[in-house]
């Protein structure tokens, strides 16, 4: 039995070593946006080869009843998801599901295709295990994403749709953009995320203010109520909100009766970074993700959970680079977790490590 357990652990151990010592160093030699697109192209080919696909699933997936979660009326096969921003246009959701994720969130999508901000717009901060991005909701549009989702193969993989407004749409007309995205994706996604917290679309975060946010969520909720089957609606918030603003968020969620919160998006803060200030000045504006946002993200989750007396359903994202980080978020009050920057720095082995830690805790 001891040899069997060792043998089953071996593929994961080897994959983690290969990623950290060989694959990641090679990736980090190339511009981050270029390597992202190259990786997508390679995975699209190799993860559609039946033998390789099955090997990857066997290496990274953990299937166990104890990992299943019923949240928002949806059954997640495990609580570890991929956050929005990685598969913006729903190009690789089925293939990414082979890596052991319980759910994938596509987007952010906007009604019309848009190129996003000028390049370069994605930067690594290796000293901080972080990223700075100012992508600007670059995507092919909601209809293009919907078309990709018609080819969905894995019925057990939960798919979320993260929706936003186009850059040129003024805030007073933003509601229409969110409604258009909702209509386009409604037949194909399992839940929706209203994104008003990206720092990379001008004035978008103003929609987090109390009255505009209530109006937006009430409109999306009304549209949802008009459908035969409602989709859960979540709100993604920034880590930079004050406690007073978080109190408003709790009130708004309960008043509009949306289903939950994703906490948190990237931060505009640059406090306590190891990266030299000169490099930060050269990079300029953008949202910071990774280890530096971990503490604040957990604080926001705990505050929301405690102040709502546990009523709020929260998906945690922000600085999860280890199984311990994920457990910390769950202990703070989250019911599910999402990876993004940690997935880039640690590789797909992180998904299995978190699920194995959850299984160990369940025993």
Protein backbone atom coordinates (compact mmCIF):
# COMPACT_ATOMS: atom_id res chain seq x y z
CA UNK A 1 0.00 0.00 0.00
CA UNK A 2 2.84 2.40 0.84
CA UNK A 3 4.41 1.85 -2.59
CA UNK A 4 1.03 2.40 -4.28
CA UNK A 5 0.50 5.70 -2.47
CA UNK A 6 4.02 6.79 -3.42
CA UNK A 7 3.45 5.82 -7.06
CA UNK A 8 0.18 7.76 -7.25
CA UNK A 9 1.89 10.85 -5.83
CA UNK A 10 4.80 10.60 -8.25
CA UNK A 11 3.16 12.16 -11.37
CA UNK A 12 2.04 15.21 -9.37
CA UNK A 13 5.44 15.60 -7.72
CA UNK A 14 7.20 15.34 -11.08
CA UNK A 15 4.82 17.78 -12.73
CA UNK A 16 5.31 20.33 -9.93
CA UNK A 17 9.10 20.03 -10.15
CA UNK A 18 9.03 20.29 -13.94
CA UNK A 19 6.82 23.35 -13.84
CA UNK A 20 8.78 25.22 -11.16
CA UNK A 21 12.28 24.34 -12.43
CA UNK A 22 11.85 24.06 -16.19
CA UNK A 23 8.56 25.31 -17.64
CA UNK A 24 8.05 28.47 -15.56
CA UNK A 25 11.65 29.75 -16.01
CA UNK A 26 11.25 29.33 -19.78
CA UNK A 27 7.83 31.03 -19.74
CA UNK A 28 9.22 33.94 -17.73
CA UNK A 29 11.81 34.63 -20.42
CA UNK A 30 9.01 35.65 -22.79
CA UNK A 31 6.62 38.62 -22.67
CA UNK A 32 3.71 37.48 -20.43
CA UNK A 33 0.93 38.22 -22.92
CA UNK A 34 2.77 36.49 -25.78
CA UNK A 35 3.45 33.36 -23.72
CA UNK A 36 -0.19 33.31 -22.61
CA UNK A 37 -1.39 33.10 -26.22
CA UNK A 38 1.30 30.57 -27.13
CA UNK A 39 0.35 28.37 -24.17
CA UNK A 40 -3.31 28.50 -25.21
CA UNK A 41 -2.40 27.36 -28.72
CA UNK A 42 -0.28 24.47 -27.42
CA UNK A 43 -2.87 23.33 -24.86
CA UNK A 44 -5.64 23.48 -27.47
CA UNK A 45 -3.74 20.94 -29.57
CA UNK A 46 -2.30 18.63 -26.90
CA UNK A 47 -5.31 18.46 -24.61
CA UNK A 48 -7.44 17.28 -27.49
CA UNK A 49 -5.24 14.23 -28.03
CA UNK A 50 -7.25 11.50 -26.21
CA UNK A 51 -4.30 9.73 -24.57
CA UNK A 52 -2.67 12.94 -23.36
CA UNK A 53 -5.97 14.37 -22.21
CA UNK A 54 -6.64 11.31 -20.05
CA UNK A 55 -3.10 11.41 -18.63
CA UNK A 56 -3.46 15.06 -17.67
CA UNK A 57 -6.84 14.37 -16.01
CA UNK A 58 -5.34 11.44 -14.10
CA UNK A 59 -2.39 13.55 -12.95
CA UNK A 60 -4.25 16.63 -11.75
CA UNK A 61 -7.88 15.74 -11.00
CA UNK A 62 -9.20 14.66 -7.61
CA UNK A 63 -12.65 13.11 -7.67
CA UNK A 64 -14.29 12.53 -4.30
CA UNK A 65 -17.73 13.05 -2.82
CA UNK A 66 -16.22 15.04 0.05
CA UNK A 67 -15.02 17.72 -2.39
CA UNK A 68 -18.43 18.43 -3.88
CA UNK A 69 -20.05 21.73 -2.94
CA UNK A 70 -23.65 22.84 -3.47
CA UNK A 71 -23.55 26.62 -3.66
CA UNK A 72 -26.01 29.03 -5.34
CA UNK A 73 -28.10 25.96 -6.17
CA UNK A 74 -25.26 24.61 -8.34
CA UNK A 75 -23.23 21.45 -7.72
CA UNK A 76 -19.49 22.06 -7.99
CA UNK A 77 -17.42 18.90 -8.23
CA UNK A 78 -14.75 20.64 -6.16
CA UNK A 79 -14.40 24.17 -4.74
CA UNK A 80 -11.34 25.26 -6.75
CA UNK A 81 -12.05 27.45 -9.77
CA UNK A 82 -10.19 29.51 -12.33
CA UNK A 83 -10.81 33.23 -12.00
CA UNK A 84 -11.91 35.54 -14.78
CA UNK A 85 -9.28 37.11 -17.01
CA UNK A 86 -7.44 33.92 -17.92
CA UNK A 87 -9.85 32.54 -20.53
CA UNK A 88 -11.42 35.83 -21.59
CA UNK A 89 -13.04 34.59 -24.79
CA UNK A 90 -14.06 31.06 -23.74
CA UNK A 91 -11.43 29.52 -25.99
CA UNK A 92 -10.06 26.88 -23.61
CA UNK A 93 -12.57 26.20 -20.84
CA UNK A 94 -12.97 22.47 -21.53
CA UNK A 95 -9.21 21.93 -21.78
CA UNK A 96 -8.58 23.89 -18.58
CA UNK A 97 -11.17 21.73 -16.88
CA UNK A 98 -8.87 18.75 -17.48
CA UNK A 99 -6.40 20.30 -15.01
CA UNK A 100 -8.74 19.57 -12.12
CA UNK A 101 -10.72 22.80 -11.75
CA UNK A 102 -14.24 22.50 -10.39
CA UNK A 103 -15.37 25.58 -12.29
CA UNK A 104 -14.11 28.08 -14.87
CA UNK A 105 -15.08 31.73 -15.10
CA UNK A 106 -14.79 33.19 -18.59
CA UNK A 107 -14.54 36.89 -19.41
CA UNK A 108 -14.69 39.68 -18.65
CA UNK A 109 -16.77 40.00 -21.83
CA UNK A 110 -18.33 43.18 -23.15
CA UNK A 111 -21.18 43.58 -25.67
CA UNK A 112 -18.88 44.70 -28.48
CA UNK A 113 -15.40 43.41 -29.24
CA UNK A 114 -12.68 45.77 -28.10
CA UNK A 115 -8.85 45.66 -28.25
CA UNK A 116 -8.22 46.77 -24.69
CA UNK A 117 -5.45 49.10 -23.63
CA UNK A 118 -2.18 49.65 -25.45
CA UNK A 119 0.61 47.09 -25.06
CA UNK A 120 2.61 46.30 -23.01
CA UNK A 121 -0.16 45.85 -20.47
CA UNK A 122 0.76 42.75 -18.47
CA UNK A 123 3.81 42.65 -16.20
CA UNK A 124 5.41 40.15 -13.82
CA UNK A 125 6.77 41.06 -10.40
CA UNK A 126 8.71 37.86 -9.53
CA UNK A 127 10.12 39.30 -6.30
CA UNK A 128 6.55 39.65 -5.03
CA UNK A 129 5.02 36.65 -6.84
CA UNK A 130 2.63 39.12 -8.39
CA UNK A 131 1.32 40.53 -11.65
CA UNK A 132 0.28 44.00 -12.73
CA UNK A 133 -2.21 44.20 -15.56
CA UNK A 134 -4.03 46.98 -17.35
CA UNK A 135 -5.58 44.81 -20.03
CA UNK A 136 -8.75 46.91 -20.28
CA UNK A 137 -11.36 44.20 -20.96
CA UNK A 138 -9.77 43.12 -24.26
CA UNK A 139 -12.16 40.53 -25.70
CA UNK A 140 -13.93 39.44 -28.87
CA UNK A 141 -17.39 40.38 -27.57
CA UNK A 142 -20.24 38.55 -25.85
CA UNK A 143 -21.64 36.93 -29.00
CA UNK A 144 -18.24 35.45 -29.89
CA UNK A 145 -17.90 33.98 -26.39
CA UNK A 146 -21.44 32.58 -26.59
CA UNK A 147 -20.56 30.85 -29.87
CA UNK A 148 -17.52 29.20 -28.26
CA UNK A 149 -19.65 28.02 -25.35
CA UNK A 150 -22.00 26.17 -27.71
CA UNK A 151 -19.18 23.61 -28.07
CA UNK A 152 -19.13 22.84 -24.34
CA UNK A 153 -18.30 19.15 -23.80
CA UNK A 154 -17.88 18.62 -20.06
CA UNK A 155 -21.37 18.92 -18.58
CA UNK A 156 -20.02 18.55 -15.03
CA UNK A 157 -17.76 21.59 -15.28
CA UNK A 158 -19.49 24.72 -13.97
CA UNK A 159 -18.99 27.77 -16.20
CA UNK A 160 -19.39 31.35 -15.00
CA UNK A 161 -19.79 34.40 -17.22
CA UNK A 162 -18.05 37.58 -16.05
CA UNK A 163 -19.64 40.62 -17.71
CA UNK A 164 -18.67 44.28 -18.04
CA UNK A 165 -19.22 47.41 -20.07
CA UNK A 166 -17.38 48.64 -23.14
CA UNK A 167 -14.74 51.31 -22.59
CA UNK A 168 -16.59 53.89 -24.72
CA UNK A 169 -19.94 53.34 -23.01
CA UNK A 170 -20.60 56.15 -20.51
CA UNK A 171 -21.56 55.07 -17.02
CA UNK A 172 -25.08 56.43 -17.39
CA UNK A 173 -25.61 53.92 -20.22
CA UNK A 174 -23.71 51.04 -18.60
CA UNK A 175 -26.80 49.07 -17.58
CA UNK A 176 -27.63 48.35 -21.22
CA UNK A 177 -24.15 46.85 -21.76
CA UNK A 178 -24.58 44.45 -18.85
CA UNK A 179 -28.04 43.47 -20.07
CA UNK A 180 -26.72 42.75 -23.58
CA UNK A 181 -23.98 40.53 -22.17
CA UNK A 182 -26.49 38.75 -19.95
CA UNK A 183 -28.79 38.01 -22.89
CA UNK A 184 -25.93 36.72 -25.05
CA UNK A 185 -24.48 34.37 -22.42
CA UNK A 186 -27.65 33.33 -20.59
CA UNK A 187 -28.20 30.05 -22.50
CA UNK A 188 -24.61 28.90 -22.02
CA UNK A 189 -23.31 29.79 -18.54
CA UNK A 190 -24.27 28.53 -15.09
CA UNK A 191 -23.80 31.79 -13.19
CA UNK A 192 -23.05 35.46 -13.86
CA UNK A 193 -20.56 37.88 -12.33
CA UNK A 194 -21.19 41.62 -12.58
CA UNK A 195 -17.74 43.19 -12.77
CA UNK A 196 -17.62 46.84 -11.68
CA UNK A 197 -14.27 46.59 -9.91
CA UNK A 198 -11.58 46.47 -12.60
CA UNK A 199 -9.25 49.49 -12.29
CA UNK A 200 -8.42 49.36 -16.00
CA UNK A 201 -11.62 50.72 -17.57
CA UNK A 202 -12.01 54.48 -17.02
CA UNK A 203 -14.60 55.36 -14.36
CA UNK A 204 -15.79 51.75 -14.03
CA UNK A 205 -15.23 51.65 -10.27
CA UNK A 206 -17.64 54.56 -9.88
CA UNK A 207 -20.37 51.98 -10.51
CA UNK A 208 -19.49 50.49 -7.10
CA UNK A 209 -21.03 53.53 -5.46
CA UNK A 210 -24.29 52.77 -3.69
CA UNK A 211 -26.98 54.21 -5.98
CA UNK A 212 -25.45 53.30 -9.38
CA UNK A 213 -24.72 49.79 -8.12
CA UNK A 214 -28.25 49.26 -6.83
CA UNK A 215 -29.68 50.41 -10.15
CA UNK A 216 -27.37 48.10 -12.12
CA UNK A 217 -28.00 45.02 -9.99
CA UNK A 218 -31.76 45.60 -9.88
CA UNK A 219 -31.82 45.76 -13.69
CA UNK A 220 -29.79 42.58 -14.15
CA UNK A 221 -31.86 40.86 -11.47
CA UNK A 222 -35.12 41.88 -13.17
CA UNK A 223 -33.85 40.51 -16.48
CA UNK A 224 -32.89 37.29 -14.74
CA UNK A 225 -36.33 37.03 -13.13
CA UNK A 226 -37.92 37.26 -16.57
CA UNK A 227 -36.27 33.99 -17.59
CA UNK A 228 -37.78 30.55 -17.09
CA UNK A 229 -34.74 29.43 -15.12
CA UNK A 230 -32.75 31.99 -13.17
CA UNK A 231 -28.95 32.03 -13.09
CA UNK A 232 -27.13 32.95 -9.87
CA UNK A 233 -25.83 36.53 -10.02
CA UNK A 234 -22.66 37.54 -8.17
CA UNK A 235 -20.91 40.87 -7.73
CA UNK A 236 -17.12 41.17 -7.99
CA UNK A 237 -15.69 43.84 -5.72
CA UNK A 238 -12.35 45.60 -5.30
CA UNK A 239 -10.05 45.09 -2.29
CA UNK A 240 -9.68 48.88 -2.00
CA UNK A 241 -13.15 49.51 -0.56
CA UNK A 242 -13.45 51.00 2.92
CA UNK A 243 -15.43 49.26 5.66
CA UNK A 244 -18.21 51.80 5.16
CA UNK A 245 -18.35 50.87 1.48
CA UNK A 246 -18.33 47.18 2.39
CA UNK A 247 -21.29 47.84 4.69
CA UNK A 248 -23.05 49.36 1.68
CA UNK A 249 -22.19 46.28 -0.38
CA UNK A 250 -23.82 44.00 2.22
CA UNK A 251 -26.92 46.18 2.26
CA UNK A 252 -27.11 46.27 -1.54
CA UNK A 253 -26.67 42.51 -1.92
CA UNK A 254 -29.43 41.83 0.58
CA UNK A 255 -31.74 44.48 -0.89
CA UNK A 256 -31.31 43.39 -4.52
CA UNK A 257 -31.33 39.71 -3.54
CA UNK A 258 -28.40 38.77 -5.74
CA UNK A 259 -26.69 35.51 -4.83
CA UNK A 260 -23.22 36.41 -3.64
CA UNK A 261 -19.89 38.19 -3.85
CA UNK A 262 -16.51 37.53 -5.44
CA UNK A 263 -13.83 39.04 -3.23
CA UNK A 264 -11.57 40.43 -4.49
CA UNK A 265 -10.41 41.92 -7.78
CA UNK A 266 -6.95 43.46 -8.22
CA UNK A 267 -5.72 46.38 -6.11
CA UNK A 268 -4.37 49.79 -7.13
CA UNK A 269 -2.20 49.84 -3.98
CA UNK A 270 1.58 49.45 -4.27
CA UNK A 271 2.32 49.24 -0.55
CA UNK A 272 5.04 46.98 0.92
CA UNK A 273 6.30 45.57 -2.39
CA UNK A 274 9.78 44.09 -2.78
CA UNK A 275 9.93 45.15 -6.42
CA UNK A 276 12.14 48.29 -6.81
CA UNK A 277 10.20 51.54 -7.06
CA UNK A 278 12.00 52.38 -10.31
CA UNK A 279 10.53 49.27 -11.96
CA UNK A 280 7.07 50.06 -10.59
CA UNK A 281 7.32 53.58 -12.00
CA UNK A 282 8.31 52.17 -15.40
CA UNK A 283 5.31 49.79 -15.36
CA UNK A 284 2.83 52.49 -14.35
CA UNK A 285 -0.89 52.02 -13.76
CA UNK A 286 -2.72 48.73 -13.47
CA UNK A 287 -4.27 46.25 -11.08
CA UNK A 288 -1.93 44.32 -8.79
CA UNK A 289 -2.65 40.64 -8.12
CA UNK A 290 -0.89 37.79 -6.35
CA UNK A 291 0.70 37.48 -2.92
CA UNK A 292 0.56 41.25 -2.15
CA UNK A 293 -3.25 41.24 -2.25
CA UNK A 294 -3.63 38.05 -0.17
CA UNK A 295 -3.94 39.67 3.27
CA UNK A 296 -6.38 42.38 2.20
CA UNK A 297 -8.53 39.93 0.25
CA UNK A 298 -8.84 37.72 3.33
CA UNK A 299 -9.68 40.75 5.49
CA UNK A 300 -12.50 41.72 3.11
CA UNK A 301 -13.89 38.18 3.09
CA UNK A 302 -13.85 37.94 6.88
CA UNK A 303 -15.43 41.39 7.26
CA UNK A 304 -18.25 40.60 4.83
CA UNK A 305 -18.87 37.19 6.36
CA UNK A 306 -18.88 38.43 9.96
CA UNK A 307 -20.94 41.59 9.33
CA UNK A 308 -23.56 39.61 7.40
CA UNK A 309 -23.64 36.94 10.14
CA UNK A 310 -22.60 34.38 7.55
CA UNK A 311 -25.51 35.13 5.22
CA UNK A 312 -23.34 36.22 2.30
CA UNK A 313 -22.04 33.54 -0.05
CA UNK A 314 -18.48 34.49 -1.01
CA UNK A 315 -16.07 33.21 -3.65
CA UNK A 316 -12.52 34.04 -2.64
CA UNK A 317 -9.83 35.14 -5.05
CA UNK A 318 -6.61 37.01 -4.40
CA UNK A 319 -3.17 35.72 -3.46
CA UNK A 320 -3.90 32.00 -3.29
CA UNK A 321 -0.50 30.43 -4.00
CA UNK A 322 -0.68 27.37 -1.73
CA UNK A 323 -3.14 24.96 -0.16
CA UNK A 324 -2.70 26.86 3.10
CA UNK A 325 -3.73 30.11 1.40
CA UNK A 326 -6.90 28.47 0.12
CA UNK A 327 -7.77 27.04 3.53
CA UNK A 328 -7.23 30.48 5.05
CA UNK A 329 -9.79 31.98 2.67
CA UNK A 330 -12.30 29.23 3.40
CA UNK A 331 -11.78 29.64 7.14
CA UNK A 332 -12.42 33.39 6.73
CA UNK A 333 -15.89 32.65 5.34
CA UNK A 334 -15.54 31.80 1.65
CA UNK A 335 -17.37 28.79 0.25
CA UNK A 336 -15.34 28.49 -2.98
CA UNK A 337 -11.95 29.74 -4.14
CA UNK A 338 -10.52 30.91 -7.47
CA UNK A 339 -6.96 30.94 -8.77
CA UNK A 340 -5.32 33.26 -11.24
CA UNK A 341 -1.85 34.61 -10.41
CA UNK A 342 -1.11 31.63 -8.15
CA UNK A 343 -1.94 29.33 -11.05
CA UNK A 344 0.69 31.11 -13.17
CA UNK A 345 3.38 31.06 -10.48
CA UNK A 346 2.71 27.58 -9.06
CA UNK A 347 1.34 25.69 -12.06
CA UNK A 348 -1.59 23.26 -12.31
CA UNK A 349 -0.28 21.14 -9.44
CA UNK A 350 -1.67 23.80 -7.10
CA UNK A 351 -5.25 22.75 -7.90
CA UNK A 352 -4.61 19.18 -6.80
CA UNK A 353 -2.69 20.28 -3.71
CA UNK A 354 -5.67 22.35 -2.54
CA UNK A 355 -8.14 19.56 -3.19
CA UNK A 356 -5.93 17.01 -1.42
CA UNK A 357 -5.62 19.34 1.58
CA UNK A 358 -9.40 19.68 1.68
CA UNK A 359 -9.80 15.89 1.57
CA UNK A 360 -7.30 15.48 4.39
CA UNK A 361 -9.21 18.02 6.48
CA UNK A 362 -12.52 16.23 5.75
CA UNK A 363 -11.27 12.92 7.20
